[in-house]
Amino acid sequence: MAILINENTRIVVQGITGREASMVVSHTLAYGTKIYAGITPGKGGQFVQGIPVYDTVAEAVKKHDVNASLVIVPPAFALDAVLESIHQGIKLIVVTTENIPQLDAVKILYAARKEGVTIIGPNTVGMINPKHRIKMGSIGGDRPERCFVPGNVGVISRSGGMTGETAWMVKRAGFGVTTSIGIGGDSLIGTTIKDLLALFEKDEETEVVVTFSEPGTSFEEEAAQFLKEGGFTKPLISFVSGKFTENLPEGTVFGHAGAMISGDIGRPSLKMKALREAGANVVDLYDDMLGVLKTILGEKVGDIR
């Protein structure tokens, strides 16, 4: 089954005529994912790699019944783009844009929560369902199959690059993934680890979830509490990166915008402690997840590389 995206996902790309969007669209189509429409105000009537372009989301919804939007627009236009999709009833929006002004991000997340819309991001590489060869975003680049193969492991990553790397670790262990999701590196994002664990809990094909975390935010602590409350009952394997940052001077800028330690908030060691106490399989070394996966799911013959 996977979560969020499947064979019924009908994608529209907002900002489709831009340079970055053109590259993402090319890779997405080559993977086998169908894109039904694109949006760039003032450029309606054009085609981008065979995809019809419209001036408004309303036109795309009416003509193609799109139900998921991939937003690839400059930061100044992200708020309007997302609100337009929300107002047209689209319930899944992947926002790849980074450096969105924080006030705009707050408005985006408020509107989405009010209307029951799922936002992945901002500042995300997107997500992928390899079973149905559907991806939204730059995730996997031009050869997603190098890292993403179908299986029964869910992947959640704070880092875009490590979304693919973690799925590759799953592949190396001899398994594959149901859905891999980069939740975004900003401090304000639409869908957290806890939110996705709730979805994976209901997915019959997902047997285990692996998470890659970074310093900053309280997402892992929230996930740990969710585990304690019984909201997620499947095995969880967690790796928290950046433990060395706790030895850096207070206020040091490191990594993503959300990778910020303030007092005890955002410390990797405390995230690891909370997750361990909640029953998660917390690995100290990234490579350790290979052995833990094999222990939980059982050995498989050969190593898929």
C-alpha atoms as a PDB file:
ATOM      1  CA  MET A   1       0.000   0.000   0.000  1.00  0.00           C
ATOM      2  CA  ALA A   2       2.618   2.562   1.109  1.00  0.00           C
ATOM      3  CA  ILE A   3       1.493   5.931   2.460  1.00  0.00           C
ATOM      4  CA  LEU A   4       0.462   9.273   0.945  1.00  0.00           C
ATOM      5  CA  ILE A   5       1.235   8.481  -2.715  1.00  0.00           C
ATOM      6  CA  ASN A   6       0.079   5.570  -4.867  1.00  0.00           C
ATOM      7  CA  GLU A   7      -1.310   4.720  -8.289  1.00  0.00           C
ATOM      8  CA  ASN A   8      -4.250   7.068  -7.666  1.00  0.00           C
ATOM      9  CA  THR A   9      -2.049  10.148  -7.178  1.00  0.00           C
ATOM     10  CA  ARG A  10      -2.619  12.737  -9.918  1.00  0.00           C
ATOM     11  CA  ILE A  11       0.209  15.288  -9.805  1.00  0.00           C
ATOM     12  CA  VAL A  12       0.295  18.937 -10.851  1.00  0.00           C
ATOM     13  CA  VAL A  13       3.609  20.831 -10.764  1.00  0.00           C
ATOM     14  CA  GLN A  14       3.426  24.475  -9.746  1.00  0.00           C
ATOM     15  CA  GLY A  15       6.270  26.454 -11.301  1.00  0.00           C
ATOM     16  CA  ILE A  16       6.750  23.860 -14.043  1.00  0.00           C
ATOM     17  CA  THR A  17       8.432  26.210 -16.539  1.00  0.00           C
ATOM     18  CA  GLY A  18      11.309  27.019 -14.183  1.00  0.00           C
ATOM     19  CA  ARG A  19      14.793  25.561 -14.666  1.00  0.00           C
ATOM     20  CA  GLU A  20      14.796  23.413 -11.535  1.00  0.00           C
ATOM     21  CA  ALA A  21      11.255  22.191 -12.163  1.00  0.00           C
ATOM     22  CA  SER A  22      12.167  21.193 -15.708  1.00  0.00           C
ATOM     23  CA  MET A  23      14.941  18.943 -14.393  1.00  0.00           C
ATOM     24  CA  VAL A  24      12.703  17.392 -11.730  1.00  0.00           C
ATOM     25  CA  VAL A  25       9.943  16.801 -14.277  1.00  0.00           C
ATOM     26  CA  SER A  26      12.385  15.091 -16.646  1.00  0.00           C
ATOM     27  CA  HIS A  27      13.614  12.710 -13.941  1.00  0.00           C
ATOM     28  CA  THR A  28      10.083  12.070 -12.707  1.00  0.00           C
ATOM     29  CA  LEU A  29       8.741  11.153 -16.125  1.00  0.00           C
ATOM     30  CA  ALA A  30      11.755   8.927 -16.834  1.00  0.00           C
ATOM     31  CA  TYR A  31      11.013   7.033 -13.606  1.00  0.00           C
ATOM     32  CA  GLY A  32       7.518   6.285 -14.855  1.00  0.00           C
ATOM     33  CA  THR A  33       5.531   8.731 -12.763  1.00  0.00           C
ATOM     34  CA  LYS A  34       2.769  10.509 -14.640  1.00  0.00           C
ATOM     35  CA  ILE A  35       2.394  14.275 -14.264  1.00  0.00           C
ATOM     36  CA  TYR A  36      -0.999  15.494 -15.421  1.00  0.00           C
ATOM     37  CA  ALA A  37      -0.517  19.260 -15.539  1.00  0.00           C
ATOM     38  CA  GLY A  38       1.767  22.176 -14.774  1.00  0.00           C
ATOM     39  CA  ILE A  39       1.111  25.705 -13.538  1.00  0.00           C
ATOM     40  CA  THR A  40       2.890  28.946 -14.384  1.00  0.00           C
ATOM     41  CA  PRO A  41       0.758  32.111 -14.413  1.00  0.00           C
ATOM     42  CA  GLY A  42       0.933  33.821 -17.804  1.00  0.00           C
ATOM     43  CA  LYS A  43       2.241  30.737 -19.614  1.00  0.00           C
ATOM     44  CA  GLY A  44      -0.960  28.799 -20.026  1.00  0.00           C
ATOM     45  CA  GLY A  45      -1.232  26.982 -23.334  1.00  0.00           C
ATOM     46  CA  GLN A  46       2.416  25.936 -23.422  1.00  0.00           C
ATOM     47  CA  PHE A  47       3.712  22.396 -22.985  1.00  0.00           C
ATOM     48  CA  VAL A  48       6.681  21.235 -20.904  1.00  0.00           C
ATOM     49  CA  GLN A  49       7.940  17.813 -21.977  1.00  0.00           C
ATOM     50  CA  GLY A  50       4.452  17.013 -23.202  1.00  0.00           C
ATOM     51  CA  ILE A  51       2.710  18.234 -20.066  1.00  0.00           C
ATOM     52  CA  PRO A  52       0.039  20.931 -20.574  1.00  0.00           C
ATOM     53  CA  VAL A  53       0.656  24.202 -18.736  1.00  0.00           C
ATOM     54  CA  TYR A  54      -2.149  26.276 -17.238  1.00  0.00           C
ATOM     55  CA  ASP A  55      -2.351  29.705 -15.649  1.00  0.00           C
ATOM     56  CA  THR A  56      -4.205  28.511 -12.557  1.00  0.00           C
ATOM     57  CA  VAL A  57      -4.593  25.433 -10.403  1.00  0.00           C
ATOM     58  CA  ALA A  58      -8.357  25.719 -10.850  1.00  0.00           C
ATOM     59  CA  GLU A  59      -7.967  24.910 -14.557  1.00  0.00           C
ATOM     60  CA  ALA A  60      -5.784  21.879 -13.816  1.00  0.00           C
ATOM     61  CA  VAL A  61      -8.252  20.558 -11.241  1.00  0.00           C
ATOM     62  CA  LYS A  62     -11.172  21.010 -13.634  1.00  0.00           C
ATOM     63  CA  LYS A  63      -9.498  19.441 -16.671  1.00  0.00           C
ATOM     64  CA  HIS A  64      -7.367  16.720 -15.073  1.00  0.00           C
ATOM     65  CA  ASP A  65      -8.825  16.109 -11.611  1.00  0.00           C
ATOM     66  CA  VAL A  66      -5.380  16.556 -10.028  1.00  0.00           C
ATOM     67  CA  ASN A  67      -5.199  15.748  -6.306  1.00  0.00           C
ATOM     68  CA  ALA A  68      -1.545  16.351  -5.377  1.00  0.00           C
ATOM     69  CA  SER A  69       0.658  19.368  -5.989  1.00  0.00           C
ATOM     70  CA  LEU A  70       4.433  19.591  -6.241  1.00  0.00           C
ATOM     71  CA  VAL A  71       5.484  23.168  -5.518  1.00  0.00           C
ATOM     72  CA  ILE A  72       8.770  24.248  -7.123  1.00  0.00           C
ATOM     73  CA  VAL A  73       8.645  28.035  -7.018  1.00  0.00           C
ATOM     74  CA  PRO A  74      10.910  30.814  -5.649  1.00  0.00           C
ATOM     75  CA  PRO A  75      10.487  31.618  -1.927  1.00  0.00           C
ATOM     76  CA  ALA A  76       8.579  34.852  -2.538  1.00  0.00           C
ATOM     77  CA  PHE A  77       5.844  32.982  -4.437  1.00  0.00           C
ATOM     78  CA  ALA A  78       5.551  29.868  -2.274  1.00  0.00           C
ATOM     79  CA  LEU A  79       2.785  31.192  -0.014  1.00  0.00           C
ATOM     80  CA  ASP A  80       0.502  32.144  -2.897  1.00  0.00           C
ATOM     81  CA  ALA A  81       1.220  28.870  -4.709  1.00  0.00           C
ATOM     82  CA  VAL A  82       0.367  26.703  -1.711  1.00  0.00           C
ATOM     83  CA  LEU A  83      -2.725  28.717  -0.777  1.00  0.00           C
ATOM     84  CA  GLU A  84      -3.971  28.423  -4.350  1.00  0.00           C
ATOM     85  CA  SER A  85      -3.762  24.622  -4.199  1.00  0.00           C
ATOM     86  CA  ILE A  86      -5.386  24.524  -0.763  1.00  0.00           C
ATOM     87  CA  HIS A  87      -8.278  26.689  -1.982  1.00  0.00           C
ATOM     88  CA  GLN A  88      -8.806  24.318  -4.914  1.00  0.00           C
ATOM     89  CA  GLY A  89      -9.238  21.354  -2.603  1.00  0.00           C
ATOM     90  CA  ILE A  90      -5.888  19.617  -3.122  1.00  0.00           C
ATOM     91  CA  LYS A  91      -5.111  17.627   0.009  1.00  0.00           C
ATOM     92  CA  LEU A  92      -1.459  16.665  -0.557  1.00  0.00           C
ATOM     93  CA  ILE A  93       1.155  19.346  -1.248  1.00  0.00           C
ATOM     94  CA  VAL A  94       4.907  18.781  -1.426  1.00  0.00           C
ATOM     95  CA  VAL A  95       6.794  22.052  -0.973  1.00  0.00           C
ATOM     96  CA  THR A  96      10.392  21.790  -2.190  1.00  0.00           C
ATOM     97  CA  THR A  97      11.132  25.516  -1.818  1.00  0.00           C
ATOM     98  CA  GLU A  98      13.683  26.494   0.808  1.00  0.00           C
ATOM     99  CA  ASN A  99      14.269  29.896   2.438  1.00  0.00           C
ATOM    100  CA  ILE A 100      10.558  30.644   2.640  1.00  0.00           C
ATOM    101  CA  PRO A 101      10.074  33.605   5.019  1.00  0.00           C
ATOM    102  CA  GLN A 102       9.025  32.256   8.413  1.00  0.00           C
ATOM    103  CA  LEU A 103       5.838  34.316   8.540  1.00  0.00           C
ATOM    104  CA  ASP A 104       4.836  32.870   5.162  1.00  0.00           C
ATOM    105  CA  ALA A 105       5.620  29.362   6.440  1.00  0.00           C
ATOM    106  CA  VAL A 106       3.388  29.961   9.468  1.00  0.00           C
ATOM    107  CA  LYS A 107       0.547  31.082   7.182  1.00  0.00           C
ATOM    108  CA  ILE A 108       1.027  28.019   4.964  1.00  0.00           C
ATOM    109  CA  LEU A 109       0.936  25.583   7.862  1.00  0.00           C
ATOM    110  CA  TYR A 110      -2.022  27.309   9.517  1.00  0.00           C
ATOM    111  CA  ALA A 111      -4.086  27.209   6.313  1.00  0.00           C
ATOM    112  CA  ALA A 112      -3.158  23.578   5.693  1.00  0.00           C
ATOM    113  CA  ARG A 113      -4.079  22.486   9.211  1.00  0.00           C
ATOM    114  CA  LYS A 114      -7.369  24.376   9.017  1.00  0.00           C
ATOM    115  CA  GLU A 115      -8.361  22.636   5.774  1.00  0.00           C
ATOM    116  CA  GLY A 116      -7.006  19.178   6.599  1.00  0.00           C
ATOM    117  CA  VAL A 117      -4.230  19.363   4.014  1.00  0.00           C
ATOM    118  CA  THR A 118      -1.010  17.327   4.284  1.00  0.00           C
ATOM    119  CA  ILE A 119       2.100  19.424   3.636  1.00  0.00           C
ATOM    120  CA  ILE A 120       5.451  17.693   3.105  1.00  0.00           C
ATOM    121  CA  GLY A 121       8.214  20.254   3.618  1.00  0.00           C
ATOM    122  CA  PRO A 122       9.029  23.037   3.079  1.00  0.00           C
ATOM    123  CA  ASN A 123      12.641  22.468   2.024  1.00  0.00           C
ATOM    124  CA  THR A 124      12.130  18.813   1.136  1.00  0.00           C
ATOM    125  CA  VAL A 125      13.430  16.483  -1.579  1.00  0.00           C
ATOM    126  CA  GLY A 126       9.988  14.927  -1.532  1.00  0.00           C
ATOM    127  CA  MET A 127       8.934  11.295  -1.297  1.00  0.00           C
ATOM    128  CA  ILE A 128       8.860   8.103  -3.308  1.00  0.00           C
ATOM    129  CA  ASN A 129       6.839   4.900  -3.577  1.00  0.00           C
ATOM    130  CA  PRO A 130       9.038   2.450  -5.536  1.00  0.00           C
ATOM    131  CA  LYS A 131       6.374  -0.263  -5.802  1.00  0.00           C
ATOM    132  CA  HIS A 132       4.241   1.959  -8.024  1.00  0.00           C
ATOM    133  CA  ARG A 133       7.225   3.976  -9.331  1.00  0.00           C
ATOM    134  CA  ILE A 134       5.703   7.233  -8.138  1.00  0.00           C
ATOM    135  CA  LYS A 135       7.801  10.076  -6.802  1.00  0.00           C
ATOM    136  CA  MET A 136       7.174  13.698  -5.968  1.00  0.00           C
ATOM    137  CA  GLY A 137      10.233  15.944  -5.823  1.00  0.00           C
ATOM    138  CA  SER A 138      13.904  15.588  -6.661  1.00  0.00           C
ATOM    139  CA  ILE A 139      14.251  12.494  -4.469  1.00  0.00           C
ATOM    140  CA  GLY A 140      16.383   9.826  -6.141  1.00  0.00           C
ATOM    141  CA  GLY A 141      17.610  12.174  -8.863  1.00  0.00           C
ATOM    142  CA  ASP A 142      17.794  10.664 -12.329  1.00  0.00           C
ATOM    143  CA  ARG A 143      18.185   7.055 -11.113  1.00  0.00           C
ATOM    144  CA  PRO A 144      15.939   6.431  -8.104  1.00  0.00           C
ATOM    145  CA  GLU A 145      16.236   2.660  -8.454  1.00  0.00           C
ATOM    146  CA  ARG A 146      19.849   2.832  -7.246  1.00  0.00           C
ATOM    147  CA  CYS A 147      18.549   3.392  -3.714  1.00  0.00           C
ATOM    148  CA  PHE A 148      14.833   2.773  -3.759  1.00  0.00           C
ATOM    149  CA  VAL A 149      13.491  -0.747  -4.304  1.00  0.00           C
ATOM    150  CA  PRO A 150      10.080  -2.080  -3.227  1.00  0.00           C
ATOM    151  CA  GLY A 151       9.844  -3.697   0.174  1.00  0.00           C
ATOM    152  CA  ASN A 152       8.346  -3.474   3.640  1.00  0.00           C
ATOM    153  CA  VAL A 153      10.401  -0.762   5.373  1.00  0.00           C
ATOM    154  CA  GLY A 154       9.281   2.832   5.787  1.00  0.00           C
ATOM    155  CA  VAL A 155      11.937   5.565   5.743  1.00  0.00           C
ATOM    156  CA  ILE A 156      11.658   9.011   7.335  1.00  0.00           C
ATOM    157  CA  SER A 157      14.565  11.419   7.055  1.00  0.00           C
ATOM    158  CA  ARG A 158      15.190  14.967   8.176  1.00  0.00           C
ATOM    159  CA  SER A 159      17.988  15.269   5.617  1.00  0.00           C
ATOM    160  CA  GLY A 160      17.179  15.176   1.918  1.00  0.00           C
ATOM    161  CA  GLY A 161      20.393  13.469   0.896  1.00  0.00           C
ATOM    162  CA  MET A 162      20.154  10.930   3.686  1.00  0.00           C
ATOM    163  CA  THR A 163      16.672   9.926   2.582  1.00  0.00           C
ATOM    164  CA  GLY A 164      18.282   8.144  -0.343  1.00  0.00           C
ATOM    165  CA  GLU A 165      21.270   6.989   1.693  1.00  0.00           C
ATOM    166  CA  THR A 166      19.037   5.431   4.336  1.00  0.00           C
ATOM    167  CA  ALA A 167      16.923   3.666   1.709  1.00  0.00           C
ATOM    168  CA  TRP A 168      20.196   2.380   0.236  1.00  0.00           C
ATOM    169  CA  MET A 169      21.145   0.980   3.641  1.00  0.00           C
ATOM    170  CA  VAL A 170      17.818  -0.840   3.684  1.00  0.00           C
ATOM    171  CA  LYS A 171      18.630  -2.199   0.224  1.00  0.00           C
ATOM    172  CA  ARG A 172      22.103  -3.280   1.366  1.00  0.00           C
ATOM    173  CA  ALA A 173      20.504  -5.217   4.211  1.00  0.00           C
ATOM    174  CA  GLY A 174      18.514  -7.140   1.601  1.00  0.00           C
ATOM    175  CA  PHE A 175      15.196  -5.353   1.930  1.00  0.00           C
ATOM    176  CA  GLY A 176      13.240  -2.561   0.269  1.00  0.00           C
ATOM    177  CA  VAL A 177      10.969   0.329   1.141  1.00  0.00           C
ATOM    178  CA  THR A 178       7.250   1.075   1.066  1.00  0.00           C
ATOM    179  CA  THR A 179       7.559   4.856   1.146  1.00  0.00           C
ATOM    180  CA  SER A 180      10.626   7.040   1.724  1.00  0.00           C
ATOM    181  CA  ILE A 181      10.017  10.616   2.814  1.00  0.00           C
ATOM    182  CA  GLY A 182      12.260  13.617   3.368  1.00  0.00           C
ATOM    183  CA  ILE A 183      10.330  15.697   5.872  1.00  0.00           C
ATOM    184  CA  GLY A 184      12.351  18.883   5.253  1.00  0.00           C
ATOM    185  CA  GLY A 185      15.156  20.663   7.010  1.00  0.00           C
ATOM    186  CA  ASP A 186      13.349  23.790   8.204  1.00  0.00           C
ATOM    187  CA  SER A 187      12.237  24.357  11.786  1.00  0.00           C
ATOM    188  CA  LEU A 188       8.653  24.846  10.604  1.00  0.00           C
ATOM    189  CA  ILE A 189       7.400  21.902   8.549  1.00  0.00           C
ATOM    190  CA  GLY A 190       3.998  20.476   7.806  1.00  0.00           C
ATOM    191  CA  THR A 191       4.440  16.791   8.611  1.00  0.00           C
ATOM    192  CA  THR A 192       6.633  15.516  11.442  1.00  0.00           C
ATOM    193  CA  ILE A 193       8.072  12.122  12.360  1.00  0.00           C
ATOM    194  CA  LYS A 194       5.142  11.514  14.708  1.00  0.00           C
ATOM    195  CA  ASP A 195       2.626  12.288  11.951  1.00  0.00           C
ATOM    196  CA  LEU A 196       4.261   9.824   9.564  1.00  0.00           C
ATOM    197  CA  LEU A 197       4.594   7.094  12.182  1.00  0.00           C
ATOM    198  CA  ALA A 198       0.828   7.301  12.635  1.00  0.00           C
ATOM    199  CA  LEU A 199       0.379   6.698   8.894  1.00  0.00           C
ATOM    200  CA  PHE A 200       2.927   3.880   8.747  1.00  0.00           C
ATOM    201  CA  GLU A 201       1.179   2.234  11.712  1.00  0.00           C
ATOM    202  CA  LYS A 202      -1.931   1.840   9.559  1.00  0.00           C
ATOM    203  CA  ASP A 203      -0.070   0.642   6.467  1.00  0.00           C
ATOM    204  CA  GLU A 204      -0.295  -3.142   6.220  1.00  0.00           C
ATOM    205  CA  GLU A 205       2.796  -3.459   4.004  1.00  0.00           C
ATOM    206  CA  THR A 206       5.120  -1.519   6.308  1.00  0.00           C
ATOM    207  CA  GLU A 207       6.633  -3.801   8.949  1.00  0.00           C
ATOM    208  CA  VAL A 208       9.479  -1.593  10.183  1.00  0.00           C
ATOM    209  CA  VAL A 209      10.296   2.124  10.045  1.00  0.00           C
ATOM    210  CA  VAL A 210      13.786   3.619   9.936  1.00  0.00           C
ATOM    211  CA  THR A 211      14.383   7.276  10.816  1.00  0.00           C
ATOM    212  CA  PHE A 212      17.363   9.550  10.181  1.00  0.00           C
ATOM    213  CA  SER A 213      17.418  12.543  12.512  1.00  0.00           C
ATOM    214  CA  GLU A 214      19.473  15.685  13.037  1.00  0.00           C
ATOM    215  CA  PRO A 215      20.076  18.141  15.875  1.00  0.00           C
ATOM    216  CA  GLY A 216      17.338  20.681  16.494  1.00  0.00           C
ATOM    217  CA  THR A 217      13.560  20.675  17.082  1.00  0.00           C
ATOM    218  CA  SER A 218      11.682  18.345  19.411  1.00  0.00           C
ATOM    219  CA  PHE A 219      10.360  16.034  16.690  1.00  0.00           C
ATOM    220  CA  GLU A 220      12.107  12.946  18.048  1.00  0.00           C
ATOM    221  CA  GLU A 221      10.935  13.616  21.600  1.00  0.00           C
ATOM    222  CA  GLU A 222       7.367  13.924  20.286  1.00  0.00           C
ATOM    223  CA  ALA A 223       7.789  10.659  18.399  1.00  0.00           C
ATOM    224  CA  ALA A 224       9.116   8.975  21.546  1.00  0.00           C
ATOM    225  CA  GLN A 225       6.066  10.084  23.509  1.00  0.00           C
ATOM    226  CA  PHE A 226       3.869   8.770  20.707  1.00  0.00           C
ATOM    227  CA  LEU A 227       5.552   5.381  21.054  1.00  0.00           C
ATOM    228  CA  LYS A 228       5.040   5.408  24.820  1.00  0.00           C
ATOM    229  CA  GLU A 229       1.350   6.122  24.316  1.00  0.00           C
ATOM    230  CA  GLY A 230       1.031   3.144  21.966  1.00  0.00           C
ATOM    231  CA  GLY A 231       0.459   5.207  18.839  1.00  0.00           C
ATOM    232  CA  PHE A 232       3.147   3.288  16.959  1.00  0.00           C
ATOM    233  CA  THR A 233       3.605  -0.389  17.758  1.00  0.00           C
ATOM    234  CA  LYS A 234       5.870  -1.628  14.945  1.00  0.00           C
ATOM    235  CA  PRO A 235       9.676  -1.811  15.293  1.00  0.00           C
ATOM    236  CA  LEU A 236      11.380   1.573  14.941  1.00  0.00           C
ATOM    237  CA  ILE A 237      15.077   1.920  14.111  1.00  0.00           C
ATOM    238  CA  SER A 238      16.492   5.396  14.723  1.00  0.00           C
ATOM    239  CA  PHE A 239      19.797   7.092  14.020  1.00  0.00           C
ATOM    240  CA  VAL A 240      20.448  10.603  15.297  1.00  0.00           C
ATOM    241  CA  SER A 241      23.314  12.419  13.596  1.00  0.00           C
ATOM    242  CA  GLY A 242      25.377  15.361  14.793  1.00  0.00           C
ATOM    243  CA  LYS A 243      26.266  14.302  18.312  1.00  0.00           C
ATOM    244  CA  PHE A 244      29.469  16.347  18.023  1.00  0.00           C
ATOM    245  CA  THR A 245      27.412  19.548  17.792  1.00  0.00           C
ATOM    246  CA  GLU A 246      26.769  19.403  21.522  1.00  0.00           C
ATOM    247  CA  ASN A 247      30.432  20.331  22.040  1.00  0.00           C
ATOM    248  CA  LEU A 248      30.222  23.422  19.813  1.00  0.00           C
ATOM    249  CA  PRO A 249      29.791  26.909  21.290  1.00  0.00           C
ATOM    250  CA  GLU A 250      26.167  27.968  21.902  1.00  0.00           C
ATOM    251  CA  GLY A 251      24.743  29.693  18.834  1.00  0.00           C
ATOM    252  CA  THR A 252      26.984  27.989  16.287  1.00  0.00           C
ATOM    253  CA  VAL A 253      25.203  27.721  12.936  1.00  0.00           C
ATOM    254  CA  PHE A 254      25.234  24.150  11.638  1.00  0.00           C
ATOM    255  CA  GLY A 255      23.459  22.394   8.787  1.00  0.00           C
ATOM    256  CA  HIS A 256      19.784  22.948   8.080  1.00  0.00           C
ATOM    257  CA  ALA A 257      17.810  25.913   9.381  1.00  0.00           C
ATOM    258  CA  GLY A 258      16.133  23.624  11.878  1.00  0.00           C
ATOM    259  CA  ALA A 259      19.394  22.122  13.179  1.00  0.00           C
ATOM    260  CA  MET A 260      19.590  24.467  16.136  1.00  0.00           C
ATOM    261  CA  ILE A 261      20.308  23.515  19.755  1.00  0.00           C
ATOM    262  CA  SER A 262      18.939  25.849  22.417  1.00  0.00           C
ATOM    263  CA  GLY A 263      19.616  24.740  25.971  1.00  0.00           C
ATOM    264  CA  ASP A 264      18.420  21.135  26.149  1.00  0.00           C
ATOM    265  CA  ILE A 265      16.113  21.500  23.154  1.00  0.00           C
ATOM    266  CA  GLY A 266      17.421  19.743  20.070  1.00  0.00           C
ATOM    267  CA  ARG A 267      20.332  17.867  21.661  1.00  0.00           C
ATOM    268  CA  PRO A 268      21.051  14.567  19.871  1.00  0.00           C
ATOM    269  CA  SER A 269      21.936  12.782  23.111  1.00  0.00           C
ATOM    270  CA  LEU A 270      18.569  13.634  24.643  1.00  0.00           C
ATOM    271  CA  LYS A 271      16.736  12.610  21.484  1.00  0.00           C
ATOM    272  CA  MET A 272      18.488   9.240  21.594  1.00  0.00           C
ATOM    273  CA  LYS A 273      17.694   8.829  25.289  1.00  0.00           C
ATOM    274  CA  ALA A 274      14.005   9.586  24.786  1.00  0.00           C
ATOM    275  CA  LEU A 275      13.696   7.200  21.858  1.00  0.00           C
ATOM    276  CA  ARG A 276      15.519   4.397  23.691  1.00  0.00           C
ATOM    277  CA  GLU A 277      13.307   4.784  26.740  1.00  0.00           C
ATOM    278  CA  ALA A 278      10.264   4.594  24.471  1.00  0.00           C
ATOM    279  CA  GLY A 279      11.405   1.255  23.037  1.00  0.00           C
ATOM    280  CA  ALA A 280      12.964   2.315  19.740  1.00  0.00           C
ATOM    281  CA  ASN A 281      16.080   0.556  18.411  1.00  0.00           C
ATOM    282  CA  VAL A 282      18.522   3.477  18.547  1.00  0.00           C
ATOM    283  CA  VAL A 283      21.807   2.796  16.750  1.00  0.00           C
ATOM    284  CA  ASP A 284      25.005   4.638  17.674  1.00  0.00           C
ATOM    285  CA  LEU A 285      26.646   4.039  14.304  1.00  0.00           C
ATOM    286  CA  TYR A 286      24.837   4.482  11.020  1.00  0.00           C
ATOM    287  CA  ASP A 287      26.016   1.107   9.670  1.00  0.00           C
ATOM    288  CA  ASP A 288      24.545  -0.627  12.716  1.00  0.00           C
ATOM    289  CA  MET A 289      21.073  -0.360  11.221  1.00  0.00           C
ATOM    290  CA  LEU A 290      22.019  -3.132   8.756  1.00  0.00           C
ATOM    291  CA  GLY A 291      22.339  -5.699  11.505  1.00  0.00           C
ATOM    292  CA  VAL A 292      19.274  -4.468  13.362  1.00  0.00           C
ATOM    293  CA  LEU A 293      17.157  -4.679  10.206  1.00  0.00           C
ATOM    294  CA  LYS A 294      18.322  -8.237   9.570  1.00  0.00           C
ATOM    295  CA  THR A 295      17.586  -9.207  13.162  1.00  0.00           C
ATOM    296  CA  ILE A 296      14.079  -7.772  13.040  1.00  0.00           C
ATOM    297  CA  LEU A 297      13.070  -8.889   9.554  1.00  0.00           C
ATOM    298  CA  GLY A 298      15.219 -11.989   9.257  1.00  0.00           C
ATOM    299  CA  GLU A 299      18.256 -12.709   7.139  1.00  0.00           C
ATOM    300  CA  LYS A 300      17.924 -12.744   3.377  1.00  0.00           C
ATOM    301  CA  VAL A 301      20.186 -14.519   0.962  1.00  0.00           C
ATOM    302  CA  GLY A 302      22.684 -12.152  -0.642  1.00  0.00           C
ATOM    303  CA  ASP A 303      23.289  -8.474  -0.292  1.00  0.00           C
ATOM    304  CA  ILE A 304      21.439  -6.252  -2.784  1.00  0.00           C
ATOM    305  CA  ARG A 305      23.930  -3.657  -3.974  1.00  0.00           C
END
